[in-house]
Protein backbone atom coordinates (compact mmCIF):
# COMPACT_ATOMS: atom_id res chain seq x y z
CA MET A 1 -8.19 65.82 -14.22
CA THR A 2 -10.45 63.63 -12.13
CA GLU A 3 -9.68 61.31 -9.06
CA ASP A 4 -11.18 58.44 -9.93
CA SER A 5 -10.07 54.91 -8.31
CA TRP A 6 -6.91 52.79 -9.47
CA ARG A 7 -8.54 49.82 -11.08
CA SER A 8 -7.26 46.84 -13.20
CA PRO A 9 -6.75 47.89 -16.95
CA THR A 10 -8.97 46.43 -19.83
CA PRO A 11 -7.36 44.54 -22.19
CA THR A 12 -7.55 47.64 -24.69
CA GLU A 13 -5.82 49.86 -22.33
CA ARG A 14 -3.34 47.40 -21.29
CA ALA A 15 -2.34 46.88 -25.12
CA LEU A 16 -2.04 50.57 -25.69
CA VAL A 17 0.78 50.77 -22.56
CA GLU A 18 2.54 47.42 -23.41
CA ARG A 19 3.31 48.83 -27.44
CA TRP A 20 3.47 52.32 -26.28
CA ALA A 21 6.05 50.95 -23.76
CA ARG A 22 7.89 48.53 -26.72
CA GLU A 23 8.10 51.51 -28.68
CA TRP A 24 9.36 53.78 -26.03
CA ASN A 25 11.98 50.82 -25.27
CA THR A 26 13.35 51.00 -29.08
CA ALA A 27 13.62 54.65 -29.54
CA THR A 28 14.93 55.45 -26.08
CA GLY A 29 16.89 52.66 -24.95
CA ASP A 30 14.78 52.65 -21.52
CA ASP A 31 13.60 49.26 -20.39
CA VAL A 32 10.42 49.83 -19.08
CA ALA A 33 8.39 47.05 -17.88
CA ILE A 34 4.67 46.39 -17.62
CA HIS A 35 4.24 44.65 -13.92
CA SER A 36 1.27 42.35 -13.84
CA ARG A 37 -0.19 44.71 -11.22
CA LEU A 38 -0.79 47.48 -13.82
CA GLN A 39 -3.35 49.76 -12.59
CA VAL A 40 -5.23 52.40 -14.20
CA ARG A 41 -7.84 55.32 -13.56
CA ARG A 42 -9.56 57.95 -16.12
CA SER A 43 -7.61 61.36 -15.75
CA CYS A 44 -10.13 63.49 -17.62
CA SER A 45 -13.58 64.44 -17.02
CA CYS A 46 -14.22 65.33 -20.64
CA GLY A 47 -15.42 62.05 -21.79
CA CYS A 48 -12.35 61.17 -24.20
CA PRO A 49 -10.55 57.90 -23.18
CA THR A 50 -7.30 59.75 -21.22
CA PHE A 51 -6.18 57.64 -18.68
CA SER A 52 -3.32 57.22 -16.29
CA ALA A 53 -1.42 54.11 -15.71
CA ARG A 54 1.26 52.84 -12.92
CA PRO A 55 3.67 51.64 -12.07
CA LEU A 56 5.88 52.47 -15.27
CA ALA A 57 9.03 54.29 -14.32
CA VAL A 58 10.75 55.46 -17.01
CA ASN A 59 14.11 56.42 -16.40
CA PRO A 60 14.31 59.99 -15.71
CA ASP A 61 17.42 61.37 -17.74
CA LEU A 62 15.42 59.92 -20.59
CA ALA A 63 12.40 61.33 -19.56
CA LYS A 64 13.19 65.05 -18.85
CA GLU A 65 10.91 66.29 -21.76
CA ARG A 66 7.35 66.94 -21.36
CA PRO A 67 5.46 65.62 -23.38
CA LEU A 68 8.02 62.13 -23.65
CA ARG A 69 8.93 62.08 -27.01
CA VAL A 70 7.42 58.75 -28.45
CA GLU A 71 3.55 60.10 -29.11
CA GLY A 72 1.20 58.07 -31.23
CA THR A 73 -1.65 58.41 -33.96
CA ALA A 74 -4.92 56.70 -33.87
CA LEU A 75 -6.63 55.58 -37.24
CA ARG A 76 -9.73 54.24 -37.74
CA SER A 77 -10.38 51.04 -39.29
CA ASP A 78 -10.46 52.60 -42.44
CA GLY A 79 -7.30 54.67 -42.24
CA THR A 80 -8.47 58.01 -41.22
CA VAL A 81 -6.76 59.89 -38.37
CA ALA A 82 -9.04 60.14 -35.70
CA ALA A 83 -6.90 61.06 -32.39
CA GLY A 84 -3.97 61.77 -30.83
CA LEU A 85 -1.73 60.10 -28.04
CA ILE A 86 0.73 62.00 -25.56
CA VAL A 87 2.18 60.57 -22.72
CA PHE A 88 3.51 62.45 -19.93
CA ALA A 89 5.49 61.43 -16.91
CA LEU A 90 3.94 62.12 -13.56
CA ASP A 91 5.38 62.04 -10.39
CA ASP A 92 4.45 58.74 -8.85
CA ASN A 93 5.62 56.29 -11.03
CA ALA A 94 2.85 57.04 -13.48
CA LEU A 95 2.62 58.22 -17.26
CA ASP A 96 -0.69 59.55 -18.47
CA PHE A 97 -1.78 58.67 -22.10
CA GLU A 98 -3.71 61.67 -23.33
CA VAL A 99 -5.93 60.76 -25.90
CA TYR A 100 -7.41 63.63 -27.94
CA SER A 101 -9.24 63.75 -30.48
CA LEU A 102 -9.10 65.24 -34.00
CA ASP A 103 -12.38 65.82 -35.14
CA GLU A 104 -14.56 66.60 -32.65
CA LYS A 105 -15.88 62.96 -32.92
CA PRO A 106 -15.66 60.56 -30.01
CA VAL A 107 -12.88 58.34 -29.45
CA ALA A 108 -13.48 54.83 -28.65
CA LEU A 109 -9.78 52.88 -27.62
CA GLU A 110 -11.24 50.02 -28.65
CA ASP A 111 -12.01 51.23 -32.48
CA VAL A 112 -8.74 52.71 -33.19
CA THR A 113 -5.53 51.46 -33.92
CA PHE A 114 -2.13 53.48 -32.39
CA VAL A 115 0.76 54.38 -34.82
CA TYR A 116 3.79 55.92 -32.94
CA ILE A 117 6.32 58.71 -33.87
CA ASP A 118 9.32 58.64 -32.46
CA ASP A 119 9.98 62.67 -32.75
CA PRO A 120 13.42 63.64 -31.21
CA ALA A 121 13.40 67.33 -32.27
């Protein structure tokens, strides 16, 4: 983990958070809203694009599982799988969007499209 400062999200980070929130709300019936004052910060020092975002308050009764049950797979433009996405609820109305490579190649958020999975198991 790093202690980077909170900042405004890039358009790609905002789009990832907004899409995830839509998928989460559909899968769980929650009503997570993306505020105009959304902030993000890098939350890993390994070079991956993992970041935390706030304020994002999920219903605590729906977010008991860690990680949260709506996950994603990142696809490159050619359709090959590049990375995965796991979302964790943090204690301060923040969520951590952990993006991990599946083939040891660097992943840039701008170069992938996320497909979301609702796995209630």
